[in-house]
Amino acid sequence: MIWSRILILWDMRGAIIGDIVGSTHEFTNRVSSKEFELFPYGSTFTDDTVLTIAEG
């Protein structure tokens, strides 16, 4: 049972990482280029990250 939950969270890692990467660009600092720092200072989990994990 615990392993199935771990595997689900492992499969969701892309959504979780993407949310953390975009956390500093969510409302300001729009990125119009494909070149930007992935984890700048201030990157953190958001409410969307929590909801993603709760759904898993």
PDB file of N, CA and C in Angstrom:
ATOM      1  N   MET A   1       0.822  -1.197   0.000  1.00  0.00           N
ATOM      2  CA  MET A   1       0.000   0.000   0.000  1.00  0.00           C
ATOM      3  C   MET A   1       0.862   1.255   0.000  1.00  0.00           C
ATOM      4  N   ILE A   2       1.848   1.297   0.897  1.00  0.00           N
ATOM      5  CA  ILE A   2       2.704   2.476   0.970  1.00  0.00           C
ATOM      6  C   ILE A   2       3.514   2.644  -0.312  1.00  0.00           C
ATOM      7  N   TRP A   3       3.925   1.524  -0.914  1.00  0.00           N
ATOM      8  CA  TRP A   3       4.709   1.623  -2.149  1.00  0.00           C
ATOM      9  C   TRP A   3       3.887   2.187  -3.294  1.00  0.00           C
ATOM     10  N   SER A   4       2.601   1.863  -3.350  1.00  0.00           N
ATOM     11  CA  SER A   4       1.767   2.418  -4.425  1.00  0.00           C
ATOM     12  C   SER A   4       1.650   3.926  -4.275  1.00  0.00           C
ATOM     13  N   ARG A   5       1.547   4.424  -3.048  1.00  0.00           N
ATOM     14  CA  ARG A   5       1.473   5.873  -2.834  1.00  0.00           C
ATOM     15  C   ARG A   5       2.785   6.545  -3.207  1.00  0.00           C
ATOM     16  N   ILE A   6       3.902   5.902  -2.875  1.00  0.00           N
ATOM     17  CA  ILE A   6       5.204   6.454  -3.244  1.00  0.00           C
ATOM     18  C   ILE A   6       5.346   6.505  -4.760  1.00  0.00           C
ATOM     19  N   LEU A   7       4.902   5.458  -5.455  1.00  0.00           N
ATOM     20  CA  LEU A   7       4.991   5.444  -6.916  1.00  0.00           C
ATOM     21  C   LEU A   7       4.116   6.517  -7.543  1.00  0.00           C
ATOM     22  N   ILE A   8       2.948   6.767  -6.979  1.00  0.00           N
ATOM     23  CA  ILE A   8       2.076   7.824  -7.505  1.00  0.00           C
ATOM     24  C   ILE A   8       2.758   9.178  -7.361  1.00  0.00           C
ATOM     25  N   LEU A   9       3.326   9.456  -6.187  1.00  0.00           N
ATOM     26  CA  LEU A   9       4.025  10.728  -5.986  1.00  0.00           C
ATOM     27  C   LEU A   9       5.251  10.828  -6.886  1.00  0.00           C
ATOM     28  N   TRP A  10       5.924   9.720  -7.129  1.00  0.00           N
ATOM     29  CA  TRP A  10       7.085   9.719  -8.019  1.00  0.00           C
ATOM     30  C   TRP A  10       6.654  10.097  -9.439  1.00  0.00           C
ATOM     31  N   ASP A  11       5.502   9.589  -9.879  1.00  0.00           N
ATOM     32  CA  ASP A  11       5.001   9.914 -11.199  1.00  0.00           C
ATOM     33  C   ASP A  11       4.541  11.363 -11.298  1.00  0.00           C
ATOM     34  N   MET A  12       4.221  11.976 -10.194  1.00  0.00           N
ATOM     35  CA  MET A  12       3.742  13.351 -10.175  1.00  0.00           C
ATOM     36  C   MET A  12       4.877  14.360 -10.024  1.00  0.00           C
ATOM     37  N   ARG A  13       6.101  13.905 -10.013  1.00  0.00           N
ATOM     38  CA  ARG A  13       7.230  14.790  -9.747  1.00  0.00           C
ATOM     39  C   ARG A  13       7.352  15.911 -10.778  1.00  0.00           C
ATOM     40  N   GLY A  14       6.986  15.655 -12.025  1.00  0.00           N
ATOM     41  CA  GLY A  14       7.072  16.698 -13.043  1.00  0.00           C
ATOM     42  C   GLY A  14       6.142  17.853 -12.750  1.00  0.00           C
ATOM     43  N   ALA A  15       4.933  17.548 -12.317  1.00  0.00           N
ATOM     44  CA  ALA A  15       3.975  18.597 -11.968  1.00  0.00           C
ATOM     45  C   ALA A  15       4.442  19.365 -10.740  1.00  0.00           C
ATOM     46  N   ILE A  16       4.989  18.654  -9.777  1.00  0.00           N
ATOM     47  CA  ILE A  16       5.454  19.299  -8.550  1.00  0.00           C
ATOM     48  C   ILE A  16       6.657  20.189  -8.829  1.00  0.00           C
ATOM     49  N   ILE A  17       7.622  19.686  -9.579  1.00  0.00           N
ATOM     50  CA  ILE A  17       8.806  20.484  -9.916  1.00  0.00           C
ATOM     51  C   ILE A  17       8.419  21.681 -10.768  1.00  0.00           C
ATOM     52  N   GLY A  18       7.541  21.477 -11.729  1.00  0.00           N
ATOM     53  CA  GLY A  18       7.097  22.583 -12.578  1.00  0.00           C
ATOM     54  C   GLY A  18       6.408  23.674 -11.788  1.00  0.00           C
ATOM     55  N   ASP A  19       5.649  23.299 -10.794  1.00  0.00           N
ATOM     56  CA  ASP A  19       4.979  24.287  -9.959  1.00  0.00           C
ATOM     57  C   ASP A  19       5.977  25.078  -9.129  1.00  0.00           C
ATOM     58  N   ILE A  20       6.976  24.398  -8.597  1.00  0.00           N
ATOM     59  CA  ILE A  20       7.996  25.095  -7.804  1.00  0.00           C
ATOM     60  C   ILE A  20       8.823  26.020  -8.683  1.00  0.00           C
ATOM     61  N   VAL A  21       9.185  25.564  -9.881  1.00  0.00           N
ATOM     62  CA  VAL A  21       9.958  26.398 -10.815  1.00  0.00           C
ATOM     63  C   VAL A  21       9.162  27.650 -11.187  1.00  0.00           C
ATOM     64  N   GLY A  22       7.872  27.493 -11.409  1.00  0.00           N
ATOM     65  CA  GLY A  22       7.054  28.629 -11.808  1.00  0.00           C
ATOM     66  C   GLY A  22       6.558  29.494 -10.669  1.00  0.00           C
ATOM     67  N   SER A  23       6.867  29.122  -9.441  1.00  0.00           N
ATOM     68  CA  SER A  23       6.335  29.861  -8.292  1.00  0.00           C
ATOM     69  C   SER A  23       6.799  31.310  -8.252  1.00  0.00           C
ATOM     70  N   THR A  24       7.998  31.596  -8.721  1.00  0.00           N
ATOM     71  CA  THR A  24       8.484  32.978  -8.705  1.00  0.00           C
ATOM     72  C   THR A  24       7.990  33.769  -9.910  1.00  0.00           C
ATOM     73  N   HIS A  25       7.387  33.101 -10.870  1.00  0.00           N
ATOM     74  CA  HIS A  25       6.918  33.767 -12.085  1.00  0.00           C
ATOM     75  C   HIS A  25       5.396  33.761 -12.193  1.00  0.00           C
ATOM     76  N   GLU A  26       4.707  33.383 -11.125  1.00  0.00           N
ATOM     77  CA  GLU A  26       3.265  33.163 -11.206  1.00  0.00           C
ATOM     78  C   GLU A  26       2.481  34.451 -11.493  1.00  0.00           C
ATOM     79  N   PHE A  27       2.763  35.519 -10.780  1.00  0.00           N
ATOM     80  CA  PHE A  27       1.988  36.747 -10.955  1.00  0.00           C
ATOM     81  C   PHE A  27       2.815  37.893 -11.517  1.00  0.00           C
ATOM     82  N   THR A  28       4.110  37.834 -11.349  1.00  0.00           N
ATOM     83  CA  THR A  28       5.000  38.875 -11.877  1.00  0.00           C
ATOM     84  C   THR A  28       6.180  38.198 -12.541  1.00  0.00           C
ATOM     85  N   ASN A  29       7.085  38.996 -13.056  1.00  0.00           N
ATOM     86  CA  ASN A  29       8.300  38.478 -13.689  1.00  0.00           C
ATOM     87  C   ASN A  29       7.975  37.487 -14.799  1.00  0.00           C
ATOM     88  N   ARG A  30       7.080  37.860 -15.683  1.00  0.00           N
ATOM     89  CA  ARG A  30       6.726  36.983 -16.802  1.00  0.00           C
ATOM     90  C   ARG A  30       7.963  36.650 -17.626  1.00  0.00           C
ATOM     91  N   VAL A  31       8.074  35.421 -18.032  1.00  0.00           N
ATOM     92  CA  VAL A  31       9.213  34.956 -18.815  1.00  0.00           C
ATOM     93  C   VAL A  31       8.777  34.829 -20.258  1.00  0.00           C
ATOM     94  N   SER A  32       9.449  35.541 -21.146  1.00  0.00           N
ATOM     95  CA  SER A  32       9.109  35.457 -22.563  1.00  0.00           C
ATOM     96  C   SER A  32      10.179  34.686 -23.344  1.00  0.00           C
ATOM     97  N   SER A  33      11.177  34.203 -22.661  1.00  0.00           N
ATOM     98  CA  SER A  33      12.264  33.454 -23.280  1.00  0.00           C
ATOM     99  C   SER A  33      12.319  32.055 -22.683  1.00  0.00           C
ATOM    100  N   LYS A  34      12.958  31.164 -23.404  1.00  0.00           N
ATOM    101  CA  LYS A  34      13.134  29.808 -22.886  1.00  0.00           C
ATOM    102  C   LYS A  34      14.356  29.706 -21.993  1.00  0.00           C
ATOM    103  N   GLU A  35      15.096  30.787 -21.861  1.00  0.00           N
ATOM    104  CA  GLU A  35      16.288  30.798 -21.022  1.00  0.00           C
ATOM    105  C   GLU A  35      15.995  31.597 -19.755  1.00  0.00           C
ATOM    106  N   PHE A  36      15.881  30.877 -18.654  1.00  0.00           N
ATOM    107  CA  PHE A  36      15.670  31.522 -17.360  1.00  0.00           C
ATOM    108  C   PHE A  36      16.201  30.589 -16.282  1.00  0.00           C
ATOM    109  N   GLU A  37      16.440  31.143 -15.114  1.00  0.00           N
ATOM    110  CA  GLU A  37      16.960  30.353 -14.005  1.00  0.00           C
ATOM    111  C   GLU A  37      15.848  29.458 -13.467  1.00  0.00           C
ATOM    112  N   LEU A  38      16.123  28.158 -13.340  1.00  0.00           N
ATOM    113  CA  LEU A  38      15.085  27.223 -12.920  1.00  0.00           C
ATOM    114  C   LEU A  38      14.661  27.412 -11.472  1.00  0.00           C
ATOM    115  N   PHE A  39      15.606  27.501 -10.581  1.00  0.00           N
ATOM    116  CA  PHE A  39      15.283  27.619  -9.161  1.00  0.00           C
ATOM    117  C   PHE A  39      15.899  28.892  -8.594  1.00  0.00           C
ATOM    118  N   PRO A  40      15.348  30.058  -8.929  1.00  0.00           N
ATOM    119  CA  PRO A  40      15.900  31.294  -8.377  1.00  0.00           C
ATOM    120  C   PRO A  40      15.604  31.405  -6.893  1.00  0.00           C
ATOM    121  N   TYR A  41      16.263  32.329  -6.258  1.00  0.00           N
ATOM    122  CA  TYR A  41      16.028  32.569  -4.842  1.00  0.00           C
ATOM    123  C   TYR A  41      14.550  32.905  -4.639  1.00  0.00           C
ATOM    124  N   GLY A  42      13.924  32.271  -3.702  1.00  0.00           N
ATOM    125  CA  GLY A  42      12.517  32.519  -3.428  1.00  0.00           C
ATOM    126  C   GLY A  42      11.582  31.462  -3.987  1.00  0.00           C
ATOM    127  N   SER A  43      12.106  30.492  -4.744  1.00  0.00           N
ATOM    128  CA  SER A  43      11.262  29.407  -5.245  1.00  0.00           C
ATOM    129  C   SER A  43      10.783  28.561  -4.076  1.00  0.00           C
ATOM    130  N   THR A  44       9.520  28.230  -4.077  1.00  0.00           N
ATOM    131  CA  THR A  44       8.961  27.455  -2.979  1.00  0.00           C
ATOM    132  C   THR A  44       7.730  26.706  -3.472  1.00  0.00           C
ATOM    133  N   PHE A  45       7.210  25.825  -2.650  1.00  0.00           N
ATOM    134  CA  PHE A  45       5.982  25.144  -3.022  1.00  0.00           C
ATOM    135  C   PHE A  45       4.815  26.113  -2.878  1.00  0.00           C
ATOM    136  N   THR A  46       3.741  25.842  -3.586  1.00  0.00           N
ATOM    137  CA  THR A  46       2.566  26.711  -3.538  1.00  0.00           C
ATOM    138  C   THR A  46       1.343  25.886  -3.153  1.00  0.00           C
ATOM    139  N   ASP A  47       0.217  26.547  -3.127  1.00  0.00           N
ATOM    140  CA  ASP A  47      -1.023  25.835  -2.826  1.00  0.00           C
ATOM    141  C   ASP A  47      -1.327  24.797  -3.897  1.00  0.00           C
ATOM    142  N   ASP A  48      -0.931  25.056  -5.131  1.00  0.00           N
ATOM    143  CA  ASP A  48      -1.134  24.070  -6.197  1.00  0.00           C
ATOM    144  C   ASP A  48      -0.318  22.804  -5.955  1.00  0.00           C
ATOM    145  N   THR A  49       0.893  22.976  -5.406  1.00  0.00           N
ATOM    146  CA  THR A  49       1.717  21.815  -5.071  1.00  0.00           C
ATOM    147  C   THR A  49       1.038  20.960  -4.015  1.00  0.00           C
ATOM    148  N   VAL A  50       0.514  21.618  -2.997  1.00  0.00           N
ATOM    149  CA  VAL A  50      -0.168  20.896  -1.918  1.00  0.00           C
ATOM    150  C   VAL A  50      -1.385  20.139  -2.456  1.00  0.00           C
ATOM    151  N   LEU A  51      -2.158  20.786  -3.322  1.00  0.00           N
ATOM    152  CA  LEU A  51      -3.340  20.143  -3.894  1.00  0.00           C
ATOM    153  C   LEU A  51      -2.956  18.972  -4.801  1.00  0.00           C
ATOM    154  N   THR A  52      -1.857  19.109  -5.536  1.00  0.00           N
ATOM    155  CA  THR A  52      -1.391  18.017  -6.393  1.00  0.00           C
ATOM    156  C   THR A  52      -1.034  16.789  -5.555  1.00  0.00           C
ATOM    157  N   ILE A  53      -0.333  17.023  -4.454  1.00  0.00           N
ATOM    158  CA  ILE A  53       0.053  15.912  -3.584  1.00  0.00           C
ATOM    159  C   ILE A  53      -1.180  15.325  -2.906  1.00  0.00           C
ATOM    160  N   ALA A  54      -2.136  16.175  -2.536  1.00  0.00           N
ATOM    161  CA  ALA A  54      -3.361  15.677  -1.883  1.00  0.00           C
ATOM    162  C   ALA A  54      -4.175  14.793  -2.824  1.00  0.00           C
ATOM    163  N   GLU A  55      -4.162  15.126  -4.101  1.00  0.00           N
ATOM    164  CA  GLU A  55      -4.892  14.313  -5.084  1.00  0.00           C
ATOM    165  C   GLU A  55      -4.220  12.963  -5.293  1.00  0.00           C
ATOM    166  N   GLY A  56      -2.905  12.932  -5.106  1.00  0.00           N
ATOM    167  CA  GLY A  56      -2.154  11.691  -5.304  1.00  0.00           C
ATOM    168  C   GLY A  56      -2.472  10.734  -4.206  1.00  0.00           C
TER     169      GLY A  56
END
